[in-house]
C-alpha atoms as a PDB file:
ATOM      1  CA  MET A   1      -1.465 -26.439  12.005  1.00  0.00           C
ATOM      2  CA  VAL A   2      -2.813 -25.420  15.421  1.00  0.00           C
ATOM      3  CA  ASP A   3      -0.397 -22.468  15.556  1.00  0.00           C
ATOM      4  CA  ILE A   4      -1.545 -21.266  12.114  1.00  0.00           C
ATOM      5  CA  LYS A   5      -5.214 -21.410  13.144  1.00  0.00           C
ATOM      6  CA  LYS A   6      -4.421 -19.633  16.422  1.00  0.00           C
ATOM      7  CA  GLY A   7      -2.456 -16.956  14.558  1.00  0.00           C
ATOM      8  CA  ASN A   8      -5.292 -16.431  12.074  1.00  0.00           C
ATOM      9  CA  LYS A   9      -7.804 -16.060  14.911  1.00  0.00           C
ATOM     10  CA  GLU A  10      -5.571 -13.500  16.652  1.00  0.00           C
ATOM     11  CA  LEU A  11      -5.196 -11.577  13.390  1.00  0.00           C
ATOM     12  CA  PHE A  12      -8.977 -11.653  12.840  1.00  0.00           C
ATOM     13  CA  ARG A  13      -9.550 -10.367  16.393  1.00  0.00           C
ATOM     14  CA  GLU A  14      -7.040  -7.566  15.865  1.00  0.00           C
ATOM     15  CA  ILE A  15      -8.773  -6.491  12.655  1.00  0.00           C
ATOM     16  CA  LEU A  16     -12.170  -6.532  14.412  1.00  0.00           C
ATOM     17  CA  LYS A  17     -10.787  -4.368  17.232  1.00  0.00           C
ATOM     18  CA  LYS A  18      -9.475  -1.810  14.733  1.00  0.00           C
ATOM     19  CA  ILE A  19     -12.686  -1.539  12.708  1.00  0.00           C
ATOM     20  CA  LEU A  20     -15.175  -1.773  15.596  1.00  0.00           C
ATOM     21  CA  SER A  21     -15.394   1.954  16.424  1.00  0.00           C
ATOM     22  CA  PRO A  22     -15.735   3.285  12.830  1.00  0.00           C
ATOM     23  CA  SER A  23     -18.204   0.454  12.059  1.00  0.00           C
ATOM     24  CA  LEU A  24     -20.440   1.512  14.958  1.00  0.00           C
ATOM     25  CA  VAL A  25     -20.259   5.134  13.806  1.00  0.00           C
ATOM     26  CA  LEU A  26     -21.159   4.005  10.265  1.00  0.00           C
ATOM     27  CA  VAL A  27     -24.190   2.087  11.570  1.00  0.00           C
ATOM     28  CA  ILE A  28     -25.331   5.186  13.482  1.00  0.00           C
ATOM     29  CA  PHE A  29     -24.924   7.375  10.390  1.00  0.00           C
ATOM     30  CA  LEU A  30     -26.820   4.865   8.220  1.00  0.00           C
ATOM     31  CA  MET A  31     -29.665   4.822  10.735  1.00  0.00           C
ATOM     32  CA  LEU A  32     -29.721   8.630  10.863  1.00  0.00           C
ATOM     33  CA  HIS A  33     -29.667   8.798   7.073  1.00  0.00           C
ATOM     34  CA  ASN A  34     -32.540   6.342   6.839  1.00  0.00           C
ATOM     35  CA  PHE A  35     -34.524   8.274   9.473  1.00  0.00           C
ATOM     36  CA  TYR A  36     -33.855  11.508   7.588  1.00  0.00           C
ATOM     37  CA  LYS A  37     -35.032  10.047   4.263  1.00  0.00           C
ATOM     38  CA  THR A  38     -38.216   8.573   5.719  1.00  0.00           C
ATOM     39  CA  ASN A  39     -39.260  11.331   8.133  1.00  0.00           C
ATOM     40  CA  ILE A  40     -37.529  14.672   7.552  1.00  0.00           C
ATOM     41  CA  HIS A  41     -36.562  15.383   3.954  1.00  0.00           C
ATOM     42  CA  PHE A  42     -40.230  15.869   2.901  1.00  0.00           C
ATOM     43  CA  TYR A  43     -40.392  19.012   5.054  1.00  0.00           C
ATOM     44  CA  LEU A  44     -37.256  20.615   3.600  1.00  0.00           C
ATOM     45  CA  SER A  45     -36.840  22.527   0.371  1.00  0.00           C
ATOM     46  CA  LYS A  46     -35.548  20.519  -2.573  1.00  0.00           C
ATOM     47  CA  ARG A  47     -32.177  22.274  -2.485  1.00  0.00           C
ATOM     48  CA  GLY A  48     -31.776  21.938   1.274  1.00  0.00           C
ATOM     49  CA  SER A  49     -32.854  18.300   1.204  1.00  0.00           C
ATOM     50  CA  PHE A  50     -30.362  17.493  -1.560  1.00  0.00           C
ATOM     51  CA  SER A  51     -27.486  19.201   0.296  1.00  0.00           C
ATOM     52  CA  LEU A  52     -28.163  17.336   3.547  1.00  0.00           C
ATOM     53  CA  ASN A  53     -28.528  14.067   1.664  1.00  0.00           C
ATOM     54  CA  GLU A  54     -25.137  14.689   0.039  1.00  0.00           C
ATOM     55  CA  CYS A  55     -23.559  15.236   3.458  1.00  0.00           C
ATOM     56  CA  PHE A  56     -24.886  11.890   4.714  1.00  0.00           C
ATOM     57  CA  ILE A  57     -23.663  10.040   1.609  1.00  0.00           C
ATOM     58  CA  ILE A  58     -20.196  11.641   1.779  1.00  0.00           C
ATOM     59  CA  ALA A  59     -19.921  10.849   5.504  1.00  0.00           C
ATOM     60  CA  ASN A  60     -20.851   7.212   4.824  1.00  0.00           C
ATOM     61  CA  ILE A  61     -18.304   6.931   1.993  1.00  0.00           C
ATOM     62  CA  ILE A  62     -15.549   8.363   4.214  1.00  0.00           C
ATOM     63  CA  LEU A  63     -16.449   6.023   7.083  1.00  0.00           C
ATOM     64  CA  ILE A  64     -16.397   2.993   4.763  1.00  0.00           C
ATOM     65  CA  GLY A  65     -12.967   4.128   3.520  1.00  0.00           C
ATOM     66  CA  ILE A  66     -11.731   4.448   7.125  1.00  0.00           C
ATOM     67  CA  ILE A  67     -12.990   0.947   7.960  1.00  0.00           C
ATOM     68  CA  PHE A  68     -11.200  -0.618   4.974  1.00  0.00           C
ATOM     69  CA  HIS A  69      -8.069   1.442   5.672  1.00  0.00           C
ATOM     70  CA  LYS A  70      -7.913   0.274   9.303  1.00  0.00           C
ATOM     71  CA  ALA A  71      -8.568  -3.333   8.253  1.00  0.00           C
ATOM     72  CA  VAL A  72      -5.719  -3.229   5.708  1.00  0.00           C
ATOM     73  CA  VAL A  73      -3.304  -1.687   8.226  1.00  0.00           C
ATOM     74  CA  ALA A  74      -4.191  -4.269  10.892  1.00  0.00           C
ATOM     75  CA  PHE A  75      -3.946  -7.166   8.422  1.00  0.00           C
ATOM     76  CA  PHE A  76      -0.536  -6.248   7.025  1.00  0.00           C
ATOM     77  CA  LEU A  77       0.919  -5.383  10.441  1.00  0.00           C
ATOM     78  CA  GLY A  78      -0.208  -8.785  11.708  1.00  0.00           C
ATOM     79  CA  TYR A  79       0.990 -10.565   8.563  1.00  0.00           C
ATOM     80  CA  LYS A  80       4.386  -8.872   8.659  1.00  0.00           C
ATOM     81  CA  GLY A  81       4.852  -9.895  12.269  1.00  0.00           C
ATOM     82  CA  LYS A  82       4.384 -13.557  11.353  1.00  0.00           C
ATOM     83  CA  ILE A  83       7.009 -13.624   8.570  1.00  0.00           C
ATOM     84  CA  PRO A  84      10.412 -15.020   9.586  1.00  0.00           C
ATOM     85  CA  SER A  85      13.469 -12.965   8.710  1.00  0.00           C
ATOM     86  CA  ASN A  86      15.230 -15.723   6.759  1.00  0.00           C
ATOM     87  CA  GLY A  87      14.803 -17.661   3.539  1.00  0.00           C
ATOM     88  CA  LEU A  88      12.310 -16.892   0.804  1.00  0.00           C
ATOM     89  CA  SER A  89       9.929 -15.229   3.275  1.00  0.00           C
ATOM     90  CA  ALA A  90      12.397 -12.368   3.664  1.00  0.00           C
ATOM     91  CA  LEU A  91      11.515 -11.300   0.123  1.00  0.00           C
ATOM     92  CA  ASN A  92       7.844 -11.305   1.024  1.00  0.00           C
ATOM     93  CA  LYS A  93       8.671  -9.198   4.078  1.00  0.00           C
ATOM     94  CA  GLU A  94      10.203  -6.574   1.794  1.00  0.00           C
ATOM     95  CA  PHE A  95       7.072  -6.406  -0.352  1.00  0.00           C
ATOM     96  CA  VAL A  96       4.564  -6.237   2.511  1.00  0.00           C
ATOM     97  CA  PRO A  97       4.969  -2.434   2.984  1.00  0.00           C
ATOM     98  CA  VAL A  98       4.629  -1.849  -0.779  1.00  0.00           C
ATOM     99  CA  ILE A  99       1.475  -3.974  -1.074  1.00  0.00           C
ATOM    100  CA  SER A 100       0.055  -2.353   2.058  1.00  0.00           C
ATOM    101  CA  TYR A 101       0.755   1.124   0.693  1.00  0.00           C
ATOM    102  CA  GLY A 102      -0.789   0.192  -2.663  1.00  0.00           C
ATOM    103  CA  CYS A 103      -3.978  -1.101  -0.991  1.00  0.00           C
ATOM    104  CA  LYS A 104      -4.290   2.033   1.150  1.00  0.00           C
ATOM    105  CA  LEU A 105      -3.752   4.212  -1.912  1.00  0.00           C
ATOM    106  CA  LEU A 106      -6.470   2.351  -3.834  1.00  0.00           C
ATOM    107  CA  ILE A 107      -8.889   2.826  -0.920  1.00  0.00           C
ATOM    108  CA  LYS A 108      -8.195   6.574  -0.909  1.00  0.00           C
ATOM    109  CA  ILE A 109      -8.706   6.755  -4.683  1.00  0.00           C
ATOM    110  CA  PHE A 110     -12.061   4.936  -4.443  1.00  0.00           C
ATOM    111  CA  VAL A 111     -13.165   7.226  -1.595  1.00  0.00           C
ATOM    112  CA  PHE A 112     -12.168  10.249  -3.675  1.00  0.00           C
ATOM    113  CA  LEU A 113     -14.050   8.934  -6.723  1.00  0.00           C
ATOM    114  CA  GLY A 114     -17.077   8.160  -4.567  1.00  0.00           C
ATOM    115  CA  ILE A 115     -17.165  11.697  -3.178  1.00  0.00           C
ATOM    116  CA  ILE A 116     -16.685  13.177  -6.644  1.00  0.00           C
ATOM    117  CA  SER A 117     -19.558  11.082  -8.025  1.00  0.00           C
ATOM    118  CA  VAL A 118     -21.899  12.567  -5.395  1.00  0.00           C
ATOM    119  CA  PHE A 119     -21.385  15.999  -6.943  1.00  0.00           C
ATOM    120  CA  GLU A 120     -22.108  14.574 -10.427  1.00  0.00           C
ATOM    121  CA  ILE A 121     -18.974  16.011 -11.987  1.00  0.00           C
ATOM    122  CA  ARG A 122     -18.743  15.169 -15.688  1.00  0.00           C
ATOM    123  CA  SER A 123     -16.702  12.032 -16.358  1.00  0.00           C
ATOM    124  CA  ALA A 124     -14.594  13.689 -19.103  1.00  0.00           C
ATOM    125  CA  TYR A 125     -13.478  16.425 -16.711  1.00  0.00           C
ATOM    126  CA  LEU A 126     -12.735  13.868 -13.999  1.00  0.00           C
ATOM    127  CA  ILE A 127     -10.647  11.730 -16.366  1.00  0.00           C
ATOM    128  CA  ASN A 128      -8.617  14.791 -17.393  1.00  0.00           C
ATOM    129  CA  VAL A 129      -7.958  15.703 -13.760  1.00  0.00           C
ATOM    130  CA  LEU A 130      -6.935  12.149 -12.850  1.00  0.00           C
ATOM    131  CA  THR A 131      -4.666  11.935 -15.904  1.00  0.00           C
ATOM    132  CA  VAL A 132      -2.859  15.127 -14.894  1.00  0.00           C
ATOM    133  CA  VAL A 133      -2.499  13.868 -11.301  1.00  0.00           C
ATOM    134  CA  LEU A 134      -1.202  10.481 -12.485  1.00  0.00           C
ATOM    135  CA  VAL A 135       1.347  11.962 -14.910  1.00  0.00           C
ATOM    136  CA  THR A 136       2.554  14.397 -12.226  1.00  0.00           C
ATOM    137  CA  ALA A 137       2.933  11.569  -9.691  1.00  0.00           C
ATOM    138  CA  VAL A 138       4.894   9.433 -12.181  1.00  0.00           C
ATOM    139  CA  LEU A 139       7.245  12.332 -12.963  1.00  0.00           C
ATOM    140  CA  LEU A 140       7.771  13.142  -9.278  1.00  0.00           C
ATOM    141  CA  PHE A 141       8.376   9.543  -8.198  1.00  0.00           C
ATOM    142  CA  LYS A 142       9.976   8.238 -11.411  1.00  0.00           C
ATOM    143  CA  ASP A 143      13.263   7.181  -9.771  1.00  0.00           C
ATOM    144  CA  ASN A 144      11.489   5.374  -6.931  1.00  0.00           C
ATOM    145  CA  LEU A 145       9.221   3.547  -9.377  1.00  0.00           C
ATOM    146  CA  LEU A 146      12.161   2.480 -11.551  1.00  0.00           C
ATOM    147  CA  ASN A 147      14.053   1.257  -8.482  1.00  0.00           C
ATOM    148  CA  ILE A 148      11.031  -0.747  -7.294  1.00  0.00           C
ATOM    149  CA  ILE A 149      10.579  -2.327 -10.744  1.00  0.00           C
ATOM    150  CA  ALA A 150      14.302  -3.153 -10.883  1.00  0.00           C
ATOM    151  CA  GLY A 151      14.100  -4.630  -7.369  1.00  0.00           C
ATOM    152  CA  PHE A 152      11.179  -6.803  -8.434  1.00  0.00           C
ATOM    153  CA  MET A 153      13.187  -8.071 -11.435  1.00  0.00           C
ATOM    154  CA  ILE A 154      16.171  -8.829  -9.172  1.00  0.00           C
ATOM    155  CA  PHE A 155      13.885 -10.885  -6.920  1.00  0.00           C
ATOM    156  CA  ILE A 156      12.638 -12.853  -9.952  1.00  0.00           C
ATOM    157  CA  ASP A 157      15.936 -13.326 -11.848  1.00  0.00           C
ATOM    158  CA  LYS A 158      18.077 -13.718  -8.695  1.00  0.00           C
ATOM    159  CA  PRO A 159      21.431 -12.566 -10.149  1.00  0.00           C
ATOM    160  CA  PHE A 160      22.515 -12.552  -6.507  1.00  0.00           C
ATOM    161  CA  VAL A 161      21.021 -13.437  -3.125  1.00  0.00           C
ATOM    162  CA  VAL A 162      21.935 -12.653   0.477  1.00  0.00           C
ATOM    163  CA  GLY A 163      25.342 -14.132   1.322  1.00  0.00           C
ATOM    164  CA  ASP A 164      26.724 -14.099  -2.245  1.00  0.00           C
ATOM    165  CA  MET A 165      30.098 -12.509  -3.042  1.00  0.00           C
ATOM    166  CA  ILE A 166      29.781 -10.340  -6.155  1.00  0.00           C
ATOM    167  CA  GLU A 167      31.983  -8.001  -8.142  1.00  0.00           C
ATOM    168  CA  ILE A 168      30.361  -4.642  -8.885  1.00  0.00           C
ATOM    169  CA  TYR A 169      31.125  -2.046 -11.571  1.00  0.00           C
ATOM    170  CA  SER A 170      34.001  -0.497  -9.572  1.00  0.00           C
ATOM    171  CA  GLY A 171      35.826  -3.835  -9.585  1.00  0.00           C
ATOM    172  CA  GLU A 172      35.324  -4.203  -5.839  1.00  0.00           C
ATOM    173  CA  ILE A 173      34.156  -7.539  -4.430  1.00  0.00           C
ATOM    174  CA  VAL A 174      31.356  -7.146  -1.912  1.00  0.00           C
ATOM    175  CA  GLU A 175      29.102  -9.424   0.133  1.00  0.00           C
ATOM    176  CA  VAL A 176      25.337  -9.157  -0.343  1.00  0.00           C
ATOM    177  CA  LEU A 177      23.749  -8.226   2.987  1.00  0.00           C
ATOM    178  CA  GLU A 178      20.243  -7.292   1.910  1.00  0.00           C
ATOM    179  CA  VAL A 179      18.181  -7.172  -1.269  1.00  0.00           C
ATOM    180  CA  GLY A 180      15.686  -4.357  -0.754  1.00  0.00           C
ATOM    181  CA  ILE A 181      12.804  -2.977  -2.748  1.00  0.00           C
ATOM    182  CA  ARG A 182      14.439   0.300  -3.789  1.00  0.00           C
ATOM    183  CA  ARG A 183      18.085  -0.347  -2.950  1.00  0.00           C
ATOM    184  CA  SER A 184      20.340  -3.207  -1.918  1.00  0.00           C
ATOM    185  CA  LYS A 185      22.968  -3.308   0.804  1.00  0.00           C
ATOM    186  CA  PHE A 186      26.490  -4.751   0.538  1.00  0.00           C
ATOM    187  CA  LEU A 187      29.556  -5.169   2.748  1.00  0.00           C
ATOM    188  CA  SER A 188      32.830  -4.118   1.131  1.00  0.00           C
ATOM    189  CA  GLU A 189      36.286  -5.629   1.689  1.00  0.00           C
ATOM    190  CA  LYS A 190      37.000  -2.655   3.972  1.00  0.00           C
ATOM    191  CA  ASN A 191      33.975  -3.557   6.136  1.00  0.00           C
ATOM    192  CA  ALA A 192      32.067  -0.528   4.858  1.00  0.00           C
ATOM    193  CA  ILE A 193      28.329  -0.666   4.162  1.00  0.00           C
ATOM    194  CA  VAL A 194      27.557   0.081   0.500  1.00  0.00           C
ATOM    195  CA  ASN A 195      23.994   0.978  -0.556  1.00  0.00           C
ATOM    196  CA  MET A 196      23.192   0.865  -4.261  1.00  0.00           C
ATOM    197  CA  PRO A 197      19.934   1.695  -6.103  1.00  0.00           C
ATOM    198  CA  ASN A 198      18.382  -1.349  -7.748  1.00  0.00           C
ATOM    199  CA  GLN A 199      18.010   0.569 -11.004  1.00  0.00           C
ATOM    200  CA  LEU A 200      21.808   0.898 -11.205  1.00  0.00           C
ATOM    201  CA  LEU A 201      22.307  -2.778 -10.320  1.00  0.00           C
ATOM    202  CA  SER A 202      19.985  -3.813 -13.158  1.00  0.00           C
ATOM    203  CA  LYS A 203      22.104  -1.918 -15.694  1.00  0.00           C
ATOM    204  CA  ILE A 204      25.667  -2.917 -14.733  1.00  0.00           C
ATOM    205  CA  LYS A 205      27.609  -6.128 -15.244  1.00  0.00           C
ATOM    206  CA  ILE A 206      27.700  -8.216 -12.057  1.00  0.00           C
ATOM    207  CA  VAL A 207      30.100 -11.116 -11.546  1.00  0.00           C
ATOM    208  CA  ASN A 208      28.811 -13.586  -8.960  1.00  0.00           C
ATOM    209  CA  TYR A 209      31.309 -15.786  -7.088  1.00  0.00           C
ATOM    210  CA  ARG A 210      28.577 -17.960  -5.622  1.00  0.00           C
ATOM    211  CA  SER A 211      29.992 -21.253  -4.438  1.00  0.00           C
END
């Protein structure tokens, strides 16, 4: 229990160290923005005042995004370092990079949407742009997405786990070395390393000689 509390404190300190600098910069920018709004913008033209105000808002949005991004990176690096490499936790260790990447991607999307909202772009146009970007991304990374989904189903159904001897589609009996997110690793009877995409493993018949 003491070790867990100590580890959590160390992780919290590491996160604070990572976000300290951008947080101080954000505080400075917020103070400057407040000073500008209360003392300067009255003396500028409406157009010039609006443009400068936009710059402050965009800078603050970007800094907030950087703070969250650094916090996520520090958290998942610290969390990954605490996970043992055996047992059920090994599965969690495989998913840590995916969850981390997903969180960082969400932060970037929110920052992008925040910046776009400053320019008051019509929502219909924005939805069309995001739809095109999303469809393009799915088409480009379709195989990776299918492999990740198949890997997730393998983790849930557990047709095989590390250490099992299984027979694959070629009729060869192999030992399961690693169940990954996108592909799994096996050791053949000839002591060769065999990597197979999870999508393929989810489609073929697998005979498990688990004792």
